[in-house]
Amino acid sequence: MLLIVLLVVNLLFRPEPAPTILFLYSSAVTVVPVVLVPVRSRIFRAALAQRRNPGTKLKVDWVTKVWVWGVLGISVVVITAALTPTPGQGMGR
């Protein structure tokens, strides 16, 4: 519900066209589960270990870190490439 309210506010007050904003929101909503679902058990185990020992930092293994940062980095590059206009686009010749 909060995402819908935020989307409506952004569509009303942002200068970008609506399809761009909708693409960004749909990309974010799609990427987050793709990032978290494969490593959710590892994150859950780390959170339980941190809960058993209060005062310690939440530590996840390197596989989880590489997966999360890798998928987020790749998705940012792909989304940026998808939104970047190609040279000559919009030129009236």
N, C-alpha and C. Protein backbone atom coordinates (compact mmCIF):
# COMPACT_ATOMS: atom_id res chain seq x y z
N MET A 1 0.82 -1.18 0.00
CA MET A 1 0.00 0.00 0.00
C MET A 1 0.88 1.26 0.00
N LEU A 2 1.93 1.23 0.82
CA LEU A 2 2.84 2.37 0.87
C LEU A 2 3.52 2.59 -0.47
N LEU A 3 3.86 1.50 -1.15
CA LEU A 3 4.49 1.61 -2.46
C LEU A 3 3.55 2.27 -3.47
N ILE A 4 2.28 1.98 -3.39
CA ILE A 4 1.30 2.58 -4.31
C ILE A 4 1.18 4.08 -4.04
N VAL A 5 1.13 4.46 -2.77
CA VAL A 5 1.05 5.88 -2.43
C VAL A 5 2.30 6.61 -2.91
N LEU A 6 3.46 6.02 -2.66
CA LEU A 6 4.71 6.62 -3.11
C LEU A 6 4.75 6.74 -4.63
N LEU A 7 4.26 5.75 -5.33
CA LEU A 7 4.22 5.78 -6.79
C LEU A 7 3.33 6.91 -7.29
N VAL A 8 2.16 7.06 -6.70
CA VAL A 8 1.24 8.12 -7.13
C VAL A 8 1.84 9.49 -6.88
N VAL A 9 2.47 9.67 -5.72
CA VAL A 9 3.09 10.97 -5.41
C VAL A 9 4.21 11.26 -6.39
N ASN A 10 5.03 10.25 -6.69
CA ASN A 10 6.13 10.46 -7.64
C ASN A 10 5.62 10.76 -9.04
N LEU A 11 4.57 10.08 -9.45
CA LEU A 11 4.03 10.34 -10.78
C LEU A 11 3.48 11.75 -10.91
N LEU A 12 2.96 12.29 -9.82
CA LEU A 12 2.38 13.63 -9.87
C LEU A 12 3.44 14.73 -9.84
N PHE A 13 4.53 14.51 -9.13
CA PHE A 13 5.47 15.60 -8.89
C PHE A 13 6.83 15.44 -9.57
N ARG A 14 7.07 14.36 -10.27
CA ARG A 14 8.37 14.17 -10.92
C ARG A 14 8.29 14.58 -12.38
N PRO A 15 9.37 15.16 -12.93
CA PRO A 15 9.34 15.59 -14.33
C PRO A 15 9.52 14.44 -15.32
N GLU A 16 9.98 13.26 -14.85
CA GLU A 16 10.18 12.15 -15.77
C GLU A 16 8.83 11.62 -16.25
N PRO A 17 8.82 11.03 -17.44
CA PRO A 17 7.58 10.45 -17.93
C PRO A 17 7.17 9.25 -17.08
N ALA A 18 5.87 8.98 -17.04
CA ALA A 18 5.33 7.91 -16.21
C ALA A 18 5.92 6.53 -16.54
N PRO A 19 6.13 6.16 -17.80
CA PRO A 19 6.69 4.83 -18.06
C PRO A 19 8.07 4.62 -17.44
N THR A 20 8.86 5.66 -17.36
CA THR A 20 10.19 5.54 -16.75
C THR A 20 10.06 5.23 -15.26
N ILE A 21 9.22 5.96 -14.57
CA ILE A 21 9.01 5.74 -13.15
C ILE A 21 8.42 4.36 -12.91
N LEU A 22 7.46 3.96 -13.71
CA LEU A 22 6.86 2.64 -13.56
C LEU A 22 7.88 1.54 -13.80
N PHE A 23 8.77 1.74 -14.77
CA PHE A 23 9.82 0.75 -15.02
C PHE A 23 10.77 0.64 -13.84
N LEU A 24 11.14 1.77 -13.25
CA LEU A 24 12.03 1.75 -12.10
C LEU A 24 11.39 1.04 -10.91
N TYR A 25 10.12 1.33 -10.63
CA TYR A 25 9.44 0.67 -9.52
C TYR A 25 9.28 -0.83 -9.77
N SER A 26 8.89 -1.20 -10.98
CA SER A 26 8.72 -2.63 -11.26
C SER A 26 10.06 -3.36 -11.21
N SER A 27 11.12 -2.69 -11.61
CA SER A 27 12.45 -3.30 -11.52
C SER A 27 12.85 -3.53 -10.07
N ALA A 28 12.61 -2.53 -9.23
CA ALA A 28 12.95 -2.67 -7.81
C ALA A 28 12.13 -3.76 -7.15
N VAL A 29 10.86 -3.83 -7.46
CA VAL A 29 10.00 -4.85 -6.87
C VAL A 29 10.40 -6.24 -7.36
N THR A 30 10.93 -6.35 -8.54
CA THR A 30 11.36 -7.64 -9.08
C THR A 30 12.73 -8.04 -8.56
N VAL A 31 13.64 -7.10 -8.46
CA VAL A 31 15.03 -7.42 -8.10
C VAL A 31 15.15 -7.85 -6.63
N VAL A 32 14.42 -7.23 -5.74
CA VAL A 32 14.56 -7.54 -4.32
C VAL A 32 14.28 -9.02 -4.02
N PRO A 33 13.20 -9.61 -4.50
CA PRO A 33 13.02 -11.04 -4.25
C PRO A 33 14.07 -11.91 -4.94
N VAL A 34 14.50 -11.52 -6.13
CA VAL A 34 15.53 -12.29 -6.83
C VAL A 34 16.82 -12.29 -6.02
N VAL A 35 17.11 -11.20 -5.34
CA VAL A 35 18.32 -11.10 -4.53
C VAL A 35 18.17 -11.92 -3.24
N LEU A 36 17.04 -11.80 -2.58
CA LEU A 36 16.91 -12.36 -1.23
C LEU A 36 16.46 -13.82 -1.18
N VAL A 37 15.66 -14.27 -2.11
CA VAL A 37 15.10 -15.63 -2.02
C VAL A 37 16.19 -16.72 -2.03
N PRO A 38 17.18 -16.68 -2.90
CA PRO A 38 18.18 -17.75 -2.88
C PRO A 38 19.04 -17.81 -1.62
N VAL A 39 19.20 -16.71 -0.91
CA VAL A 39 20.07 -16.69 0.27
C VAL A 39 19.30 -16.45 1.57
N ARG A 40 17.99 -16.59 1.53
CA ARG A 40 17.19 -16.29 2.72
C ARG A 40 17.52 -17.20 3.89
N SER A 41 17.83 -18.47 3.65
CA SER A 41 18.15 -19.36 4.76
C SER A 41 19.48 -18.97 5.41
N ARG A 42 20.43 -18.53 4.62
CA ARG A 42 21.72 -18.10 5.18
C ARG A 42 21.55 -16.82 6.01
N ILE A 43 20.75 -15.90 5.51
CA ILE A 43 20.50 -14.66 6.25
C ILE A 43 19.73 -14.96 7.53
N PHE A 44 18.76 -15.86 7.44
CA PHE A 44 17.97 -16.23 8.61
C PHE A 44 18.85 -16.88 9.68
N ARG A 45 19.76 -17.76 9.26
CA ARG A 45 20.69 -18.39 10.21
C ARG A 45 21.59 -17.34 10.88
N ALA A 46 22.08 -16.40 10.12
CA ALA A 46 22.93 -15.35 10.69
C ALA A 46 22.14 -14.49 11.67
N ALA A 47 20.89 -14.19 11.34
CA ALA A 47 20.06 -13.38 12.23
C ALA A 47 19.76 -14.14 13.53
N LEU A 48 19.52 -15.44 13.43
CA LEU A 48 19.30 -16.24 14.64
C LEU A 48 20.54 -16.30 15.51
N ALA A 49 21.71 -16.44 14.89
CA ALA A 49 22.96 -16.46 15.65
C ALA A 49 23.19 -15.13 16.35
N GLN A 50 22.86 -14.05 15.68
CA GLN A 50 23.01 -12.73 16.29
C GLN A 50 22.01 -12.54 17.42
N ARG A 51 20.83 -13.09 17.28
CA ARG A 51 19.81 -12.96 18.32
C ARG A 51 20.18 -13.78 19.56
N ARG A 52 20.85 -14.92 19.35
CA ARG A 52 21.29 -15.74 20.48
C ARG A 52 22.39 -15.06 21.28
N ASN A 53 23.20 -14.28 20.61
CA ASN A 53 24.31 -13.56 21.25
C ASN A 53 24.10 -12.06 21.07
N PRO A 54 23.28 -11.46 21.92
CA PRO A 54 23.03 -10.02 21.78
C PRO A 54 24.32 -9.22 21.92
N GLY A 55 24.39 -8.16 21.18
CA GLY A 55 25.57 -7.31 21.22
C GLY A 55 26.58 -7.62 20.13
N THR A 56 26.42 -8.77 19.46
CA THR A 56 27.34 -9.10 18.37
C THR A 56 26.77 -8.56 17.07
N LYS A 57 27.65 -8.37 16.11
CA LYS A 57 27.23 -7.87 14.80
C LYS A 57 26.63 -9.00 13.98
N LEU A 58 25.72 -8.65 13.09
CA LEU A 58 25.15 -9.62 12.17
C LEU A 58 26.21 -9.93 11.11
N LYS A 59 26.63 -11.19 11.06
CA LYS A 59 27.67 -11.58 10.10
C LYS A 59 27.11 -12.63 9.16
N VAL A 60 27.19 -12.34 7.88
CA VAL A 60 26.80 -13.31 6.86
C VAL A 60 28.05 -13.79 6.14
N ASP A 61 27.96 -14.95 5.53
CA ASP A 61 29.13 -15.53 4.86
C ASP A 61 29.41 -14.81 3.54
N TRP A 62 30.56 -15.07 2.97
CA TRP A 62 30.99 -14.37 1.77
C TRP A 62 30.14 -14.71 0.56
N VAL A 63 29.57 -15.93 0.52
CA VAL A 63 28.71 -16.32 -0.61
C VAL A 63 27.49 -15.40 -0.66
N THR A 64 26.91 -15.16 0.51
CA THR A 64 25.74 -14.30 0.57
C THR A 64 26.10 -12.87 0.16
N LYS A 65 27.22 -12.39 0.66
CA LYS A 65 27.64 -11.02 0.30
C LYS A 65 27.89 -10.89 -1.20
N VAL A 66 28.58 -11.86 -1.78
CA VAL A 66 28.88 -11.81 -3.22
C VAL A 66 27.58 -11.88 -4.02
N TRP A 67 26.66 -12.77 -3.62
CA TRP A 67 25.40 -12.90 -4.35
C TRP A 67 24.61 -11.59 -4.30
N VAL A 68 24.42 -11.04 -3.09
CA VAL A 68 23.60 -9.83 -2.95
C VAL A 68 24.22 -8.66 -3.71
N TRP A 69 25.51 -8.39 -3.48
CA TRP A 69 26.16 -7.26 -4.15
C TRP A 69 26.28 -7.49 -5.65
N GLY A 70 26.52 -8.73 -6.05
CA GLY A 70 26.64 -9.03 -7.48
C GLY A 70 25.34 -8.83 -8.23
N VAL A 71 24.26 -9.39 -7.69
CA VAL A 71 22.96 -9.26 -8.38
C VAL A 71 22.49 -7.81 -8.35
N LEU A 72 22.66 -7.12 -7.23
CA LEU A 72 22.27 -5.71 -7.19
C LEU A 72 23.10 -4.87 -8.16
N GLY A 73 24.40 -5.13 -8.23
CA GLY A 73 25.26 -4.39 -9.15
C GLY A 73 24.89 -4.63 -10.60
N ILE A 74 24.69 -5.89 -10.94
CA ILE A 74 24.30 -6.22 -12.32
C ILE A 74 22.95 -5.61 -12.67
N SER A 75 22.02 -5.66 -11.73
CA SER A 75 20.70 -5.09 -12.01
C SER A 75 20.76 -3.58 -12.20
N VAL A 76 21.60 -2.91 -11.44
CA VAL A 76 21.75 -1.46 -11.62
C VAL A 76 22.32 -1.15 -13.00
N VAL A 77 23.30 -1.92 -13.44
CA VAL A 77 23.89 -1.70 -14.76
C VAL A 77 22.85 -1.96 -15.86
N VAL A 78 22.10 -3.05 -15.73
CA VAL A 78 21.10 -3.40 -16.75
C VAL A 78 19.98 -2.37 -16.79
N ILE A 79 19.50 -1.95 -15.63
CA ILE A 79 18.42 -0.96 -15.59
C ILE A 79 18.90 0.38 -16.14
N THR A 80 20.13 0.77 -15.80
CA THR A 80 20.68 2.01 -16.34
C THR A 80 20.82 1.94 -17.86
N ALA A 81 21.30 0.80 -18.35
CA ALA A 81 21.44 0.63 -19.80
C ALA A 81 20.09 0.66 -20.49
N ALA A 82 19.07 0.11 -19.83
CA ALA A 82 17.74 0.10 -20.43
C ALA A 82 17.14 1.50 -20.49
N LEU A 83 17.50 2.34 -19.56
CA LEU A 83 16.93 3.70 -19.53
C LEU A 83 17.77 4.74 -20.26
N THR A 84 19.00 4.38 -20.61
CA THR A 84 19.87 5.31 -21.31
C THR A 84 19.48 5.37 -22.79
N PRO A 85 19.21 6.54 -23.29
CA PRO A 85 18.83 6.62 -24.71
C PRO A 85 20.05 6.32 -25.61
N THR A 86 19.77 5.69 -26.71
CA THR A 86 20.85 5.39 -27.65
C THR A 86 21.20 6.64 -28.45
N PRO A 87 22.43 6.74 -28.94
CA PRO A 87 22.79 7.93 -29.73
C PRO A 87 21.89 8.05 -30.96
N GLY A 88 21.41 9.23 -31.18
CA GLY A 88 20.56 9.47 -32.32
C GLY A 88 19.09 9.31 -32.04
N GLN A 89 18.75 8.78 -30.87
CA GLN A 89 17.34 8.59 -30.54
C GLN A 89 16.72 9.96 -30.28
N GLY A 90 15.60 10.18 -30.83
CA GLY A 90 14.92 11.45 -30.64
C GLY A 90 15.35 12.53 -31.62
N MET A 91 16.25 12.22 -32.53
CA MET A 91 16.68 13.19 -33.52
C MET A 91 15.71 13.15 -34.70
N GLY A 92 15.18 14.28 -35.02
CA GLY A 92 14.27 14.35 -36.17
C GLY A 92 15.02 14.58 -37.46
N ARG A 93 15.28 13.52 -38.22
CA ARG A 93 16.01 13.66 -39.47
C ARG A 93 15.13 13.38 -40.63
